[in-house]
Amino acid sequence: MSDYKPKVSNAWNLFTYFNFSVAALMMAGGIWSLEASFSAKGYYAMATLMLVYSTASITKALRDKEESDRIYNKLEDARTERMLAQASAE
């Protein structure tokens, strides 16, 4: 069995944080300069926050599912190896 180790560089993490910061600043600037009522700006700001939260939640759920599948597959591989070892010992 091989151990899975994700290979994510610090540069990639820095890039994603930078990218998120730029996008958030651009969205905030767009809402700020929007010629609309304060309540409309608030609606857009809340919708933006909800979208960011939902994206993070979906990403976490998908990652958790993938990790649980990987653990389940490791258990199945171990069971199969144990059965094969028992069968070859007989």
N, C-alpha and C. Protein backbone atom coordinates (compact mmCIF):
# COMPACT_ATOMS: atom_id res chain seq x y z
N MET A 1 0.83 -1.19 0.00
CA MET A 1 0.00 0.00 0.00
C MET A 1 0.87 1.24 0.00
N SER A 2 0.46 2.20 -0.74
CA SER A 2 1.21 3.46 -0.77
C SER A 2 0.47 4.51 0.06
N ASP A 3 1.23 5.32 0.75
CA ASP A 3 0.64 6.40 1.53
C ASP A 3 0.47 7.61 0.65
N TYR A 4 -0.74 8.15 0.65
CA TYR A 4 -1.03 9.34 -0.15
C TYR A 4 -0.63 10.57 0.63
N LYS A 5 0.22 11.37 0.06
CA LYS A 5 0.63 12.63 0.66
C LYS A 5 0.32 13.75 -0.34
N PRO A 6 -0.62 14.64 0.00
CA PRO A 6 -0.89 15.75 -0.91
C PRO A 6 0.32 16.67 -1.01
N LYS A 7 0.61 17.09 -2.22
CA LYS A 7 1.78 17.93 -2.44
C LYS A 7 1.32 19.33 -2.86
N VAL A 8 1.10 20.14 -1.85
CA VAL A 8 0.68 21.52 -2.10
C VAL A 8 1.80 22.42 -1.62
N SER A 9 2.26 23.27 -2.52
CA SER A 9 3.39 24.14 -2.17
C SER A 9 2.91 25.38 -1.43
N ASN A 10 3.83 25.98 -0.70
CA ASN A 10 3.52 27.24 -0.01
C ASN A 10 3.21 28.34 -1.02
N ALA A 11 3.86 28.29 -2.18
CA ALA A 11 3.60 29.30 -3.21
C ALA A 11 2.15 29.22 -3.69
N TRP A 12 1.64 27.99 -3.83
CA TRP A 12 0.25 27.83 -4.27
C TRP A 12 -0.71 28.36 -3.20
N ASN A 13 -0.43 28.06 -1.94
CA ASN A 13 -1.28 28.57 -0.86
C ASN A 13 -1.26 30.10 -0.83
N LEU A 14 -0.08 30.67 -0.97
CA LEU A 14 0.04 32.13 -0.99
C LEU A 14 -0.74 32.72 -2.17
N PHE A 15 -0.64 32.08 -3.33
CA PHE A 15 -1.35 32.55 -4.51
C PHE A 15 -2.86 32.50 -4.29
N THR A 16 -3.37 31.43 -3.69
CA THR A 16 -4.82 31.33 -3.48
C THR A 16 -5.31 32.39 -2.50
N TYR A 17 -4.54 32.64 -1.42
CA TYR A 17 -4.93 33.69 -0.49
C TYR A 17 -4.89 35.06 -1.16
N PHE A 18 -3.87 35.31 -1.93
CA PHE A 18 -3.76 36.58 -2.65
C PHE A 18 -4.92 36.75 -3.63
N ASN A 19 -5.22 35.68 -4.37
CA ASN A 19 -6.31 35.72 -5.35
C ASN A 19 -7.64 36.00 -4.66
N PHE A 20 -7.89 35.33 -3.53
CA PHE A 20 -9.12 35.57 -2.79
C PHE A 20 -9.19 37.01 -2.30
N SER A 21 -8.09 37.52 -1.78
CA SER A 21 -8.07 38.90 -1.28
C SER A 21 -8.36 39.92 -2.38
N VAL A 22 -7.75 39.72 -3.53
CA VAL A 22 -8.00 40.63 -4.66
C VAL A 22 -9.47 40.57 -5.09
N ALA A 23 -10.01 39.35 -5.19
CA ALA A 23 -11.41 39.20 -5.60
C ALA A 23 -12.35 39.83 -4.57
N ALA A 24 -12.07 39.65 -3.27
CA ALA A 24 -12.91 40.24 -2.23
C ALA A 24 -12.84 41.77 -2.28
N LEU A 25 -11.65 42.32 -2.48
CA LEU A 25 -11.51 43.78 -2.58
C LEU A 25 -12.24 44.32 -3.81
N MET A 26 -12.15 43.61 -4.92
CA MET A 26 -12.83 44.06 -6.13
C MET A 26 -14.35 44.01 -5.93
N MET A 27 -14.85 42.96 -5.29
CA MET A 27 -16.29 42.87 -5.04
C MET A 27 -16.75 43.97 -4.09
N ALA A 28 -15.96 44.19 -3.02
CA ALA A 28 -16.32 45.26 -2.07
C ALA A 28 -16.30 46.63 -2.75
N GLY A 29 -15.31 46.86 -3.59
CA GLY A 29 -15.26 48.13 -4.32
C GLY A 29 -16.42 48.28 -5.28
N GLY A 30 -16.79 47.20 -5.93
CA GLY A 30 -17.94 47.25 -6.84
C GLY A 30 -19.24 47.53 -6.11
N ILE A 31 -19.42 46.90 -4.96
CA ILE A 31 -20.64 47.16 -4.18
C ILE A 31 -20.63 48.58 -3.64
N TRP A 32 -19.46 49.03 -3.17
CA TRP A 32 -19.35 50.39 -2.63
C TRP A 32 -19.68 51.45 -3.68
N SER A 33 -19.20 51.26 -4.90
CA SER A 33 -19.40 52.27 -5.94
C SER A 33 -20.73 52.09 -6.68
N LEU A 34 -21.48 51.07 -6.35
CA LEU A 34 -22.77 50.82 -7.00
C LEU A 34 -23.75 51.94 -6.67
N GLU A 35 -24.39 52.44 -7.70
CA GLU A 35 -25.38 53.49 -7.47
C GLU A 35 -26.72 52.85 -7.19
N ALA A 36 -26.89 52.47 -5.93
CA ALA A 36 -28.12 51.82 -5.48
C ALA A 36 -28.36 52.21 -4.03
N SER A 37 -29.51 51.85 -3.53
CA SER A 37 -29.83 52.17 -2.14
C SER A 37 -28.94 51.36 -1.20
N PHE A 38 -28.90 51.82 0.04
CA PHE A 38 -28.09 51.12 1.04
C PHE A 38 -28.58 49.69 1.25
N SER A 39 -29.90 49.50 1.20
CA SER A 39 -30.43 48.15 1.40
C SER A 39 -30.05 47.23 0.23
N ALA A 40 -30.00 47.75 -0.98
CA ALA A 40 -29.58 46.95 -2.13
C ALA A 40 -28.11 46.56 -2.00
N LYS A 41 -27.28 47.52 -1.56
CA LYS A 41 -25.87 47.22 -1.35
C LYS A 41 -25.71 46.16 -0.26
N GLY A 42 -26.51 46.26 0.79
CA GLY A 42 -26.47 45.26 1.86
C GLY A 42 -26.87 43.89 1.36
N TYR A 43 -27.89 43.86 0.50
CA TYR A 43 -28.33 42.59 -0.09
C TYR A 43 -27.20 41.95 -0.89
N TYR A 44 -26.54 42.73 -1.72
CA TYR A 44 -25.43 42.19 -2.52
C TYR A 44 -24.26 41.75 -1.64
N ALA A 45 -23.99 42.50 -0.59
CA ALA A 45 -22.90 42.12 0.32
C ALA A 45 -23.23 40.81 1.03
N MET A 46 -24.47 40.66 1.51
CA MET A 46 -24.86 39.41 2.17
C MET A 46 -24.83 38.24 1.20
N ALA A 47 -25.28 38.47 -0.03
CA ALA A 47 -25.25 37.41 -1.04
C ALA A 47 -23.82 36.99 -1.33
N THR A 48 -22.92 37.95 -1.38
CA THR A 48 -21.50 37.64 -1.61
C THR A 48 -20.93 36.82 -0.47
N LEU A 49 -21.21 37.21 0.77
CA LEU A 49 -20.72 36.44 1.92
C LEU A 49 -21.30 35.03 1.93
N MET A 50 -22.57 34.90 1.59
CA MET A 50 -23.20 33.59 1.54
C MET A 50 -22.56 32.72 0.46
N LEU A 51 -22.25 33.31 -0.67
CA LEU A 51 -21.61 32.58 -1.76
C LEU A 51 -20.22 32.09 -1.35
N VAL A 52 -19.46 32.94 -0.67
CA VAL A 52 -18.13 32.55 -0.22
C VAL A 52 -18.24 31.42 0.81
N TYR A 53 -19.16 31.55 1.76
CA TYR A 53 -19.35 30.51 2.77
C TYR A 53 -19.78 29.19 2.12
N SER A 54 -20.71 29.26 1.18
CA SER A 54 -21.19 28.05 0.52
C SER A 54 -20.07 27.37 -0.27
N THR A 55 -19.24 28.16 -0.92
CA THR A 55 -18.12 27.60 -1.66
C THR A 55 -17.16 26.87 -0.72
N ALA A 56 -16.86 27.49 0.41
CA ALA A 56 -15.97 26.84 1.38
C ALA A 56 -16.60 25.57 1.94
N SER A 57 -17.90 25.59 2.19
CA SER A 57 -18.59 24.41 2.72
C SER A 57 -18.60 23.27 1.72
N ILE A 58 -18.87 23.57 0.47
CA ILE A 58 -18.86 22.53 -0.57
C ILE A 58 -17.46 21.94 -0.71
N THR A 59 -16.46 22.80 -0.71
CA THR A 59 -15.09 22.32 -0.83
C THR A 59 -14.73 21.41 0.32
N LYS A 60 -15.10 21.78 1.54
CA LYS A 60 -14.81 20.96 2.71
C LYS A 60 -15.55 19.63 2.64
N ALA A 61 -16.82 19.65 2.23
CA ALA A 61 -17.59 18.42 2.15
C ALA A 61 -16.98 17.46 1.11
N LEU A 62 -16.59 17.99 -0.02
CA LEU A 62 -15.97 17.15 -1.05
C LEU A 62 -14.63 16.59 -0.58
N ARG A 63 -13.84 17.41 0.10
CA ARG A 63 -12.56 16.94 0.61
C ARG A 63 -12.76 15.86 1.67
N ASP A 64 -13.72 16.06 2.57
CA ASP A 64 -13.99 15.07 3.61
C ASP A 64 -14.46 13.76 3.00
N LYS A 65 -15.29 13.81 1.97
CA LYS A 65 -15.76 12.60 1.31
C LYS A 65 -14.60 11.87 0.66
N GLU A 66 -13.71 12.60 0.00
CA GLU A 66 -12.57 11.98 -0.66
C GLU A 66 -11.64 11.33 0.37
N GLU A 67 -11.43 12.00 1.50
CA GLU A 67 -10.58 11.43 2.54
C GLU A 67 -11.20 10.19 3.15
N SER A 68 -12.51 10.20 3.37
CA SER A 68 -13.16 9.01 3.94
C SER A 68 -13.13 7.86 2.94
N ASP A 69 -13.29 8.15 1.66
CA ASP A 69 -13.18 7.10 0.64
C ASP A 69 -11.78 6.51 0.63
N ARG A 70 -10.77 7.36 0.78
CA ARG A 70 -9.38 6.89 0.79
C ARG A 70 -9.13 5.98 1.99
N ILE A 71 -9.66 6.35 3.16
CA ILE A 71 -9.50 5.51 4.35
C ILE A 71 -10.23 4.19 4.17
N TYR A 72 -11.44 4.23 3.62
CA TYR A 72 -12.19 3.01 3.38
C TYR A 72 -11.43 2.09 2.41
N ASN A 73 -10.86 2.67 1.38
CA ASN A 73 -10.10 1.87 0.42
C ASN A 73 -8.86 1.26 1.07
N LYS A 74 -8.21 1.99 1.98
CA LYS A 74 -7.05 1.43 2.69
C LYS A 74 -7.47 0.24 3.54
N LEU A 75 -8.63 0.36 4.21
CA LEU A 75 -9.12 -0.75 5.02
C LEU A 75 -9.44 -1.97 4.15
N GLU A 76 -10.07 -1.72 3.02
CA GLU A 76 -10.39 -2.82 2.11
C GLU A 76 -9.11 -3.47 1.57
N ASP A 77 -8.11 -2.67 1.25
CA ASP A 77 -6.83 -3.22 0.78
C ASP A 77 -6.17 -4.07 1.86
N ALA A 78 -6.22 -3.61 3.10
CA ALA A 78 -5.62 -4.36 4.20
C ALA A 78 -6.35 -5.69 4.39
N ARG A 79 -7.68 -5.67 4.31
CA ARG A 79 -8.45 -6.92 4.43
C ARG A 79 -8.11 -7.88 3.30
N THR A 80 -8.01 -7.35 2.11
CA THR A 80 -7.67 -8.20 0.96
C THR A 80 -6.29 -8.80 1.12
N GLU A 81 -5.32 -8.00 1.55
CA GLU A 81 -3.96 -8.52 1.75
C GLU A 81 -3.94 -9.59 2.84
N ARG A 82 -4.71 -9.39 3.91
CA ARG A 82 -4.77 -10.37 4.99
C ARG A 82 -5.38 -11.67 4.48
N MET A 83 -6.45 -11.58 3.70
CA MET A 83 -7.08 -12.79 3.13
C MET A 83 -6.12 -13.52 2.20
N LEU A 84 -5.39 -12.77 1.37
CA LEU A 84 -4.43 -13.38 0.46
C LEU A 84 -3.28 -14.04 1.22
N ALA A 85 -2.84 -13.39 2.31
CA ALA A 85 -1.77 -13.97 3.12
C ALA A 85 -2.24 -15.26 3.78
N GLN A 86 -3.48 -15.27 4.26
CA GLN A 86 -4.03 -16.49 4.87
C GLN A 86 -4.20 -17.59 3.85
N ALA A 87 -4.63 -17.22 2.66
CA ALA A 87 -4.84 -18.22 1.61
C ALA A 87 -3.51 -18.81 1.14
N SER A 88 -2.46 -17.99 1.07
CA SER A 88 -1.18 -18.49 0.63
C SER A 88 -0.47 -19.29 1.73
N ALA A 89 -0.83 -19.06 3.00
CA ALA A 89 -0.23 -19.81 4.10
C ALA A 89 -0.82 -21.21 4.21
N GLU A 90 -1.99 -21.41 3.67
CA GLU A 90 -2.66 -22.72 3.77
C GLU A 90 -2.16 -23.69 2.77
